[in-house]
Amino acid sequence: MSQSIAVDVRILDKEYRVMCPLNERDDLIASARELDKRMQEIRDHSRIIGSERIAVIAALNLMHELLQKDVLQQETDRSLNKRLSHIAQQIDNALSS
């Protein structure tokens, strides 16, 4: 079982202590930095007031990006599978000739 540690992160000028597996510490810190950056951008470039509302908008933006990447990955996978099937068919045809 992996050991958990407490990691202090700063998001939108507030400190949070978060428990995470030791081997995920760097990813947690990077995630917190990215979230902080995005929340600061929302706060500085919009009329949204309140850290909770800013957090919700940041979460919605991140989920939208994630879903777009998922769709793109699915399209890439389908295209690659189609190309691989075509190549496999060409190999089968060449071997049976």
PDB file of N, CA and C in Angstrom:
ATOM      1  N   MET A   1       0.847  -1.172   0.000  1.00  0.00           N
ATOM      2  CA  MET A   1       0.000   0.000   0.000  1.00  0.00           C
ATOM      3  C   MET A   1       0.893   1.236   0.000  1.00  0.00           C
ATOM      4  N   SER A   2       0.509   2.268  -0.751  1.00  0.00           N
ATOM      5  CA  SER A   2       1.362   3.443  -0.834  1.00  0.00           C
ATOM      6  C   SER A   2       1.118   4.365   0.359  1.00  0.00           C
ATOM      7  N   GLN A   3       2.183   5.004   0.766  1.00  0.00           N
ATOM      8  CA  GLN A   3       2.130   5.892   1.920  1.00  0.00           C
ATOM      9  C   GLN A   3       1.488   7.220   1.529  1.00  0.00           C
ATOM     10  N   SER A   4       0.628   7.757   2.381  1.00  0.00           N
ATOM     11  CA  SER A   4      -0.010   9.056   2.138  1.00  0.00           C
ATOM     12  C   SER A   4       0.731  10.133   2.915  1.00  0.00           C
ATOM     13  N   ILE A   5       0.751  11.311   2.316  1.00  0.00           N
ATOM     14  CA  ILE A   5       1.381  12.463   2.963  1.00  0.00           C
ATOM     15  C   ILE A   5       0.450  13.656   2.862  1.00  0.00           C
ATOM     16  N   ALA A   6       0.659  14.625   3.721  1.00  0.00           N
ATOM     17  CA  ALA A   6      -0.080  15.885   3.671  1.00  0.00           C
ATOM     18  C   ALA A   6       0.729  16.867   2.838  1.00  0.00           C
ATOM     19  N   VAL A   7       0.052  17.490   1.880  1.00  0.00           N
ATOM     20  CA  VAL A   7       0.709  18.466   1.008  1.00  0.00           C
ATOM     21  C   VAL A   7      -0.050  19.781   1.134  1.00  0.00           C
ATOM     22  N   ASP A   8       0.682  20.851   1.377  1.00  0.00           N
ATOM     23  CA  ASP A   8       0.073  22.180   1.446  1.00  0.00           C
ATOM     24  C   ASP A   8       0.130  22.822   0.070  1.00  0.00           C
ATOM     25  N   VAL A   9      -1.036  23.275  -0.410  1.00  0.00           N
ATOM     26  CA  VAL A   9      -1.100  23.962  -1.706  1.00  0.00           C
ATOM     27  C   VAL A   9      -1.804  25.289  -1.515  1.00  0.00           C
ATOM     28  N   ARG A  10      -1.506  26.234  -2.385  1.00  0.00           N
ATOM     29  CA  ARG A  10      -2.115  27.551  -2.314  1.00  0.00           C
ATOM     30  C   ARG A  10      -2.929  27.749  -3.581  1.00  0.00           C
ATOM     31  N   ILE A  11      -4.224  28.013  -3.384  1.00  0.00           N
ATOM     32  CA  ILE A  11      -5.128  28.240  -4.504  1.00  0.00           C
ATOM     33  C   ILE A  11      -5.927  29.498  -4.219  1.00  0.00           C
ATOM     34  N   LEU A  12      -5.818  30.439  -5.113  1.00  0.00           N
ATOM     35  CA  LEU A  12      -6.517  31.721  -5.001  1.00  0.00           C
ATOM     36  C   LEU A  12      -6.307  32.352  -3.623  1.00  0.00           C
ATOM     37  N   ASP A  13      -5.038  32.437  -3.255  1.00  0.00           N
ATOM     38  CA  ASP A  13      -4.607  33.099  -2.016  1.00  0.00           C
ATOM     39  C   ASP A  13      -5.042  32.409  -0.739  1.00  0.00           C
ATOM     40  N   LYS A  14      -5.432  31.137  -0.837  1.00  0.00           N
ATOM     41  CA  LYS A  14      -5.794  30.381   0.364  1.00  0.00           C
ATOM     42  C   LYS A  14      -4.965  29.108   0.420  1.00  0.00           C
ATOM     43  N   GLU A  15      -4.585  28.731   1.637  1.00  0.00           N
ATOM     44  CA  GLU A  15      -3.817  27.506   1.849  1.00  0.00           C
ATOM     45  C   GLU A  15      -4.759  26.335   2.096  1.00  0.00           C
ATOM     46  N   TYR A  16      -4.430  25.212   1.469  1.00  0.00           N
ATOM     47  CA  TYR A  16      -5.191  23.979   1.679  1.00  0.00           C
ATOM     48  C   TYR A  16      -4.206  22.851   1.959  1.00  0.00           C
ATOM     49  N   ARG A  17      -4.537  22.020   2.912  1.00  0.00           N
ATOM     50  CA  ARG A  17      -3.745  20.825   3.194  1.00  0.00           C
ATOM     51  C   ARG A  17      -4.507  19.638   2.611  1.00  0.00           C
ATOM     52  N   VAL A  18      -3.836  18.917   1.722  1.00  0.00           N
ATOM     53  CA  VAL A  18      -4.475  17.819   1.004  1.00  0.00           C
ATOM     54  C   VAL A  18      -3.657  16.550   1.219  1.00  0.00           C
ATOM     55  N   MET A  19      -4.335  15.466   1.532  1.00  0.00           N
ATOM     56  CA  MET A  19      -3.661  14.169   1.658  1.00  0.00           C
ATOM     57  C   MET A  19      -3.600  13.518   0.282  1.00  0.00           C
ATOM     58  N   CYS A  20      -2.449  12.921  -0.016  1.00  0.00           N
ATOM     59  CA  CYS A  20      -2.320  12.205  -1.277  1.00  0.00           C
ATOM     60  C   CYS A  20      -1.222  11.153  -1.136  1.00  0.00           C
ATOM     61  N   PRO A  21      -1.241  10.155  -2.012  1.00  0.00           N
ATOM     62  CA  PRO A  21      -0.156   9.167  -1.995  1.00  0.00           C
ATOM     63  C   PRO A  21       1.172   9.854  -2.283  1.00  0.00           C
ATOM     64  N   LEU A  22       2.196   9.396  -1.642  1.00  0.00           N
ATOM     65  CA  LEU A  22       3.525   9.994  -1.785  1.00  0.00           C
ATOM     66  C   LEU A  22       3.942  10.094  -3.250  1.00  0.00           C
ATOM     67  N   ASN A  23       3.652   9.058  -4.021  1.00  0.00           N
ATOM     68  CA  ASN A  23       4.090   9.055  -5.420  1.00  0.00           C
ATOM     69  C   ASN A  23       3.264   9.989  -6.312  1.00  0.00           C
ATOM     70  N   GLU A  24       2.210  10.624  -5.768  1.00  0.00           N
ATOM     71  CA  GLU A  24       1.391  11.562  -6.545  1.00  0.00           C
ATOM     72  C   GLU A  24       1.590  13.007  -6.105  1.00  0.00           C
ATOM     73  N   ARG A  25       2.541  13.234  -5.210  1.00  0.00           N
ATOM     74  CA  ARG A  25       2.773  14.572  -4.659  1.00  0.00           C
ATOM     75  C   ARG A  25       3.044  15.605  -5.754  1.00  0.00           C
ATOM     76  N   ASP A  26       3.966  15.309  -6.660  1.00  0.00           N
ATOM     77  CA  ASP A  26       4.325  16.268  -7.699  1.00  0.00           C
ATOM     78  C   ASP A  26       3.144  16.573  -8.614  1.00  0.00           C
ATOM     79  N   ASP A  27       2.354  15.546  -8.927  1.00  0.00           N
ATOM     80  CA  ASP A  27       1.172  15.766  -9.763  1.00  0.00           C
ATOM     81  C   ASP A  27       0.149  16.644  -9.052  1.00  0.00           C
ATOM     82  N   LEU A  28      -0.023  16.438  -7.752  1.00  0.00           N
ATOM     83  CA  LEU A  28      -0.947  17.266  -6.980  1.00  0.00           C
ATOM     84  C   LEU A  28      -0.492  18.722  -6.988  1.00  0.00           C
ATOM     85  N   ILE A  29       0.782  18.940  -6.774  1.00  0.00           N
ATOM     86  CA  ILE A  29       1.308  20.312  -6.761  1.00  0.00           C
ATOM     87  C   ILE A  29       1.126  20.961  -8.125  1.00  0.00           C
ATOM     88  N   ALA A  30       1.421  20.236  -9.192  1.00  0.00           N
ATOM     89  CA  ALA A  30       1.244  20.775 -10.544  1.00  0.00           C
ATOM     90  C   ALA A  30      -0.233  21.080 -10.816  1.00  0.00           C
ATOM     91  N   SER A  31      -1.118  20.195 -10.367  1.00  0.00           N
ATOM     92  CA  SER A  31      -2.556  20.415 -10.550  1.00  0.00           C
ATOM     93  C   SER A  31      -3.019  21.653  -9.790  1.00  0.00           C
ATOM     94  N   ALA A  32      -2.546  21.802  -8.581  1.00  0.00           N
ATOM     95  CA  ALA A  32      -2.923  22.970  -7.776  1.00  0.00           C
ATOM     96  C   ALA A  32      -2.423  24.257  -8.424  1.00  0.00           C
ATOM     97  N   ARG A  33      -1.226  24.236  -8.956  1.00  0.00           N
ATOM     98  CA  ARG A  33      -0.690  25.429  -9.630  1.00  0.00           C
ATOM     99  C   ARG A  33      -1.530  25.788 -10.853  1.00  0.00           C
ATOM    100  N   GLU A  34      -1.897  24.779 -11.641  1.00  0.00           N
ATOM    101  CA  GLU A  34      -2.708  25.028 -12.833  1.00  0.00           C
ATOM    102  C   GLU A  34      -4.088  25.556 -12.441  1.00  0.00           C
ATOM    103  N   LEU A  35      -4.702  24.958 -11.431  1.00  0.00           N
ATOM    104  CA  LEU A  35      -6.005  25.431 -10.971  1.00  0.00           C
ATOM    105  C   LEU A  35      -5.910  26.864 -10.452  1.00  0.00           C
ATOM    106  N   ASP A  36      -4.871  27.155  -9.684  1.00  0.00           N
ATOM    107  CA  ASP A  36      -4.668  28.508  -9.171  1.00  0.00           C
ATOM    108  C   ASP A  36      -4.529  29.502 -10.314  1.00  0.00           C
ATOM    109  N   LYS A  37      -3.752  29.146 -11.314  1.00  0.00           N
ATOM    110  CA  LYS A  37      -3.558  30.021 -12.473  1.00  0.00           C
ATOM    111  C   LYS A  37      -4.886  30.294 -13.175  1.00  0.00           C
ATOM    112  N   ARG A  38      -5.647  29.255 -13.399  1.00  0.00           N
ATOM    113  CA  ARG A  38      -6.924  29.414 -14.100  1.00  0.00           C
ATOM    114  C   ARG A  38      -7.927  30.220 -13.271  1.00  0.00           C
ATOM    115  N   MET A  39      -7.952  29.975 -11.978  1.00  0.00           N
ATOM    116  CA  MET A  39      -8.882  30.720 -11.126  1.00  0.00           C
ATOM    117  C   MET A  39      -8.488  32.197 -11.052  1.00  0.00           C
ATOM    118  N   GLN A  40      -7.188  32.485 -11.013  1.00  0.00           N
ATOM    119  CA  GLN A  40      -6.739  33.871 -11.022  1.00  0.00           C
ATOM    120  C   GLN A  40      -7.129  34.562 -12.322  1.00  0.00           C
ATOM    121  N   GLU A  41      -6.990  33.831 -13.456  1.00  0.00           N
ATOM    122  CA  GLU A  41      -7.380  34.405 -14.750  1.00  0.00           C
ATOM    123  C   GLU A  41      -8.866  34.734 -14.767  1.00  0.00           C
ATOM    124  N   ILE A  42      -9.688  33.831 -14.253  1.00  0.00           N
ATOM    125  CA  ILE A  42     -11.135  34.074 -14.202  1.00  0.00           C
ATOM    126  C   ILE A  42     -11.429  35.277 -13.317  1.00  0.00           C
ATOM    127  N   ARG A  43     -10.798  35.316 -12.145  1.00  0.00           N
ATOM    128  CA  ARG A  43     -11.021  36.433 -11.210  1.00  0.00           C
ATOM    129  C   ARG A  43     -10.590  37.763 -11.828  1.00  0.00           C
ATOM    130  N   ASP A  44      -9.445  37.759 -12.515  1.00  0.00           N
ATOM    131  CA  ASP A  44      -8.879  39.000 -13.044  1.00  0.00           C
ATOM    132  C   ASP A  44      -9.531  39.471 -14.346  1.00  0.00           C
ATOM    133  N   HIS A  45     -10.136  38.550 -15.096  1.00  0.00           N
ATOM    134  CA  HIS A  45     -10.645  38.909 -16.423  1.00  0.00           C
ATOM    135  C   HIS A  45     -12.156  38.740 -16.574  1.00  0.00           C
ATOM    136  N   SER A  46     -12.856  38.644 -15.485  1.00  0.00           N
ATOM    137  CA  SER A  46     -14.313  38.532 -15.572  1.00  0.00           C
ATOM    138  C   SER A  46     -14.936  39.291 -14.415  1.00  0.00           C
ATOM    139  N   ARG A  47     -16.245  39.322 -14.431  1.00  0.00           N
ATOM    140  CA  ARG A  47     -16.958  40.009 -13.348  1.00  0.00           C
ATOM    141  C   ARG A  47     -17.475  39.022 -12.316  1.00  0.00           C
ATOM    142  N   ILE A  48     -16.966  37.803 -12.353  1.00  0.00           N
ATOM    143  CA  ILE A  48     -17.400  36.785 -11.399  1.00  0.00           C
ATOM    144  C   ILE A  48     -16.788  37.093 -10.041  1.00  0.00           C
ATOM    145  N   ILE A  49     -17.623  37.091  -9.033  1.00  0.00           N
ATOM    146  CA  ILE A  49     -17.177  37.419  -7.680  1.00  0.00           C
ATOM    147  C   ILE A  49     -17.396  36.205  -6.780  1.00  0.00           C
ATOM    148  N   GLY A  50     -16.441  35.950  -5.928  1.00  0.00           N
ATOM    149  CA  GLY A  50     -16.545  34.868  -4.948  1.00  0.00           C
ATOM    150  C   GLY A  50     -15.739  33.669  -5.381  1.00  0.00           C
ATOM    151  N   SER A  51     -14.934  33.168  -4.464  1.00  0.00           N
ATOM    152  CA  SER A  51     -14.051  32.058  -4.788  1.00  0.00           C
ATOM    153  C   SER A  51     -14.814  30.787  -5.157  1.00  0.00           C
ATOM    154  N   GLU A  52     -15.991  30.580  -4.543  1.00  0.00           N
ATOM    155  CA  GLU A  52     -16.768  29.384  -4.871  1.00  0.00           C
ATOM    156  C   GLU A  52     -17.255  29.437  -6.322  1.00  0.00           C
ATOM    157  N   ARG A  53     -17.752  30.574  -6.749  1.00  0.00           N
ATOM    158  CA  ARG A  53     -18.215  30.716  -8.140  1.00  0.00           C
ATOM    159  C   ARG A  53     -17.043  30.608  -9.109  1.00  0.00           C
ATOM    160  N   ILE A  54     -15.932  31.205  -8.760  1.00  0.00           N
ATOM    161  CA  ILE A  54     -14.740  31.111  -9.604  1.00  0.00           C
ATOM    162  C   ILE A  54     -14.303  29.658  -9.727  1.00  0.00           C
ATOM    163  N   ALA A  55     -14.344  28.922  -8.624  1.00  0.00           N
ATOM    164  CA  ALA A  55     -13.961  27.507  -8.643  1.00  0.00           C
ATOM    165  C   ALA A  55     -14.886  26.693  -9.543  1.00  0.00           C
ATOM    166  N   VAL A  56     -16.192  26.987  -9.477  1.00  0.00           N
ATOM    167  CA  VAL A  56     -17.154  26.260 -10.316  1.00  0.00           C
ATOM    168  C   VAL A  56     -16.885  26.548 -11.789  1.00  0.00           C
ATOM    169  N   ILE A  57     -16.653  27.796 -12.142  1.00  0.00           N
ATOM    170  CA  ILE A  57     -16.371  28.143 -13.541  1.00  0.00           C
ATOM    171  C   ILE A  57     -15.073  27.483 -13.993  1.00  0.00           C
ATOM    172  N   ALA A  58     -14.055  27.492 -13.152  1.00  0.00           N
ATOM    173  CA  ALA A  58     -12.789  26.833 -13.493  1.00  0.00           C
ATOM    174  C   ALA A  58     -13.005  25.338 -13.693  1.00  0.00           C
ATOM    175  N   ALA A  59     -13.785  24.719 -12.814  1.00  0.00           N
ATOM    176  CA  ALA A  59     -14.069  23.284 -12.939  1.00  0.00           C
ATOM    177  C   ALA A  59     -14.827  22.991 -14.226  1.00  0.00           C
ATOM    178  N   LEU A  60     -15.808  23.819 -14.560  1.00  0.00           N
ATOM    179  CA  LEU A  60     -16.551  23.628 -15.807  1.00  0.00           C
ATOM    180  C   LEU A  60     -15.639  23.769 -17.022  1.00  0.00           C
ATOM    181  N   ASN A  61     -14.770  24.764 -16.999  1.00  0.00           N
ATOM    182  CA  ASN A  61     -13.827  24.951 -18.105  1.00  0.00           C
ATOM    183  C   ASN A  61     -12.896  23.748 -18.243  1.00  0.00           C
ATOM    184  N   LEU A  62     -12.383  23.258 -17.133  1.00  0.00           N
ATOM    185  CA  LEU A  62     -11.486  22.097 -17.167  1.00  0.00           C
ATOM    186  C   LEU A  62     -12.205  20.849 -17.668  1.00  0.00           C
ATOM    187  N   MET A  63     -13.439  20.632 -17.213  1.00  0.00           N
ATOM    188  CA  MET A  63     -14.199  19.470 -17.674  1.00  0.00           C
ATOM    189  C   MET A  63     -14.506  19.571 -19.161  1.00  0.00           C
ATOM    190  N   HIS A  64     -14.814  20.760 -19.626  1.00  0.00           N
ATOM    191  CA  HIS A  64     -15.069  20.955 -21.055  1.00  0.00           C
ATOM    192  C   HIS A  64     -13.830  20.579 -21.864  1.00  0.00           C
ATOM    193  N   GLU A  65     -12.670  21.057 -21.431  1.00  0.00           N
ATOM    194  CA  GLU A  65     -11.414  20.717 -22.115  1.00  0.00           C
ATOM    195  C   GLU A  65     -11.161  19.213 -22.079  1.00  0.00           C
ATOM    196  N   LEU A  66     -11.406  18.593 -20.939  1.00  0.00           N
ATOM    197  CA  LEU A  66     -11.197  17.153 -20.807  1.00  0.00           C
ATOM    198  C   LEU A  66     -12.111  16.374 -21.745  1.00  0.00           C
ATOM    199  N   LEU A  67     -13.372  16.770 -21.802  1.00  0.00           N
ATOM    200  CA  LEU A  67     -14.323  16.090 -22.682  1.00  0.00           C
ATOM    201  C   LEU A  67     -13.945  16.270 -24.149  1.00  0.00           C
ATOM    202  N   GLN A  68     -13.471  17.468 -24.508  1.00  0.00           N
ATOM    203  CA  GLN A  68     -13.016  17.694 -25.886  1.00  0.00           C
ATOM    204  C   GLN A  68     -11.829  16.795 -26.221  1.00  0.00           C
ATOM    205  N   LYS A  69     -10.910  16.655 -25.284  1.00  0.00           N
ATOM    206  CA  LYS A  69      -9.751  15.788 -25.511  1.00  0.00           C
ATOM    207  C   LYS A  69     -10.175  14.333 -25.622  1.00  0.00           C
ATOM    208  N   ASP A  70     -11.163  13.925 -24.827  1.00  0.00           N
ATOM    209  CA  ASP A  70     -11.679  12.555 -24.910  1.00  0.00           C
ATOM    210  C   ASP A  70     -12.280  12.284 -26.285  1.00  0.00           C
ATOM    211  N   VAL A  71     -13.064  13.226 -26.787  1.00  0.00           N
ATOM    212  CA  VAL A  71     -13.674  13.065 -28.110  1.00  0.00           C
ATOM    213  C   VAL A  71     -12.589  12.986 -29.176  1.00  0.00           C
ATOM    214  N   LEU A  72     -11.599  13.865 -29.090  1.00  0.00           N
ATOM    215  CA  LEU A  72     -10.498  13.848 -30.055  1.00  0.00           C
ATOM    216  C   LEU A  72      -9.732  12.534 -29.985  1.00  0.00           C
ATOM    217  N   GLN A  73      -9.507  12.025 -28.778  1.00  0.00           N
ATOM    218  CA  GLN A  73      -8.804  10.750 -28.616  1.00  0.00           C
ATOM    219  C   GLN A  73      -9.609   9.606 -29.215  1.00  0.00           C
ATOM    220  N   GLN A  74     -10.920   9.614 -29.017  1.00  0.00           N
ATOM    221  CA  GLN A  74     -11.772   8.577 -29.597  1.00  0.00           C
ATOM    222  C   GLN A  74     -11.725   8.620 -31.119  1.00  0.00           C
ATOM    223  N   GLU A  75     -11.747   9.821 -31.691  1.00  0.00           N
ATOM    224  CA  GLU A  75     -11.658   9.961 -33.143  1.00  0.00           C
ATOM    225  C   GLU A  75     -10.315   9.472 -33.654  1.00  0.00           C
ATOM    226  N   THR A  76      -9.254   9.791 -32.932  1.00  0.00           N
ATOM    227  CA  THR A  76      -7.912   9.340 -33.309  1.00  0.00           C
ATOM    228  C   THR A  76      -7.827   7.825 -33.234  1.00  0.00           C
ATOM    229  N   ASP A  77      -8.378   7.245 -32.178  1.00  0.00           N
ATOM    230  CA  ASP A  77      -8.375   5.785 -32.025  1.00  0.00           C
ATOM    231  C   ASP A  77      -9.128   5.108 -33.164  1.00  0.00           C
ATOM    232  N   ARG A  78     -10.299   5.644 -33.519  1.00  0.00           N
ATOM    233  CA  ARG A  78     -11.078   5.063 -34.621  1.00  0.00           C
ATOM    234  C   ARG A  78     -10.315   5.133 -35.930  1.00  0.00           C
ATOM    235  N   SER A  79      -9.702   6.274 -36.186  1.00  0.00           N
ATOM    236  CA  SER A  79      -8.934   6.452 -37.415  1.00  0.00           C
ATOM    237  C   SER A  79      -7.749   5.495 -37.453  1.00  0.00           C
ATOM    238  N   LEU A  80      -7.060   5.376 -36.352  1.00  0.00           N
ATOM    239  CA  LEU A  80      -5.902   4.478 -36.284  1.00  0.00           C
ATOM    240  C   LEU A  80      -6.330   3.025 -36.460  1.00  0.00           C
ATOM    241  N   ASN A  81      -7.413   2.626 -35.810  1.00  0.00           N
ATOM    242  CA  ASN A  81      -7.909   1.254 -35.958  1.00  0.00           C
ATOM    243  C   ASN A  81      -8.306   0.959 -37.399  1.00  0.00           C
ATOM    244  N   LYS A  82      -8.922   1.938 -38.049  1.00  0.00           N
ATOM    245  CA  LYS A  82      -9.318   1.766 -39.446  1.00  0.00           C
ATOM    246  C   LYS A  82      -8.079   1.591 -40.327  1.00  0.00           C
ATOM    247  N   ARG A  83      -7.064   2.409 -40.098  1.00  0.00           N
ATOM    248  CA  ARG A  83      -5.834   2.309 -40.886  1.00  0.00           C
ATOM    249  C   ARG A  83      -5.116   0.987 -40.633  1.00  0.00           C
ATOM    250  N   LEU A  84      -5.081   0.564 -39.362  1.00  0.00           N
ATOM    251  CA  LEU A  84      -4.441  -0.714 -39.035  1.00  0.00           C
ATOM    252  C   LEU A  84      -5.182  -1.886 -39.668  1.00  0.00           C
ATOM    253  N   SER A  85      -6.496  -1.827 -39.674  1.00  0.00           N
ATOM    254  CA  SER A  85      -7.287  -2.881 -40.318  1.00  0.00           C
ATOM    255  C   SER A  85      -7.001  -2.930 -41.809  1.00  0.00           C
ATOM    256  N   HIS A  86      -6.893  -1.758 -42.421  1.00  0.00           N
ATOM    257  CA  HIS A  86      -6.587  -1.687 -43.857  1.00  0.00           C
ATOM    258  C   HIS A  86      -5.207  -2.279 -44.143  1.00  0.00           C
ATOM    259  N   ILE A  87      -4.232  -1.951 -43.314  1.00  0.00           N
ATOM    260  CA  ILE A  87      -2.874  -2.496 -43.488  1.00  0.00           C
ATOM    261  C   ILE A  87      -2.877  -3.998 -43.292  1.00  0.00           C
ATOM    262  N   ALA A  88      -3.593  -4.476 -42.274  1.00  0.00           N
ATOM    263  CA  ALA A  88      -3.676  -5.911 -42.025  1.00  0.00           C
ATOM    264  C   ALA A  88      -4.306  -6.636 -43.220  1.00  0.00           C
ATOM    265  N   GLN A  89      -5.333  -6.020 -43.807  1.00  0.00           N
ATOM    266  CA  GLN A  89      -5.979  -6.592 -44.982  1.00  0.00           C
ATOM    267  C   GLN A  89      -5.022  -6.650 -46.158  1.00  0.00           C
ATOM    268  N   GLN A  90      -4.230  -5.587 -46.322  1.00  0.00           N
ATOM    269  CA  GLN A  90      -3.249  -5.564 -47.418  1.00  0.00           C
ATOM    270  C   GLN A  90      -2.188  -6.656 -47.211  1.00  0.00           C
ATOM    271  N   ILE A  91      -1.771  -6.852 -45.968  1.00  0.00           N
ATOM    272  CA  ILE A  91      -0.782  -7.894 -45.667  1.00  0.00           C
ATOM    273  C   ILE A  91      -1.385  -9.263 -45.953  1.00  0.00           C
ATOM    274  N   ASP A  92      -2.618  -9.498 -45.514  1.00  0.00           N
ATOM    275  CA  ASP A  92      -3.294 -10.765 -45.783  1.00  0.00           C
ATOM    276  C   ASP A  92      -3.411 -11.015 -47.279  1.00  0.00           C
ATOM    277  N   ASN A  93      -3.768  -9.981 -48.026  1.00  0.00           N
ATOM    278  CA  ASN A  93      -3.892 -10.125 -49.477  1.00  0.00           C
ATOM    279  C   ASN A  93      -2.552 -10.452 -50.121  1.00  0.00           C
ATOM    280  N   ALA A  94      -1.480  -9.784 -49.649  1.00  0.00           N
ATOM    281  CA  ALA A  94      -0.168 -10.028 -50.218  1.00  0.00           C
ATOM    282  C   ALA A  94       0.326 -11.428 -49.891  1.00  0.00           C
ATOM    283  N   LEU A  95       0.042 -11.899 -48.678  1.00  0.00           N
ATOM    284  CA  LEU A  95       0.498 -13.238 -48.277  1.00  0.00           C
ATOM    285  C   LEU A  95      -0.294 -14.350 -48.986  1.00  0.00           C
ATOM    286  N   SER A  96      -1.533 -14.088 -49.311  1.00  0.00           N
ATOM    287  CA  SER A  96      -2.333 -15.118 -49.956  1.00  0.00           C
ATOM    288  C   SER A  96      -2.146 -15.144 -51.480  1.00  0.00           C
ATOM    289  N   SER A  97      -1.449 -14.163 -52.026  1.00  0.00           N
ATOM    290  CA  SER A  97      -1.196 -14.139 -53.474  1.00  0.00           C
ATOM    291  C   SER A  97      -0.074 -15.060 -53.877  1.00  0.00           C
TER     292      SER A  97
END
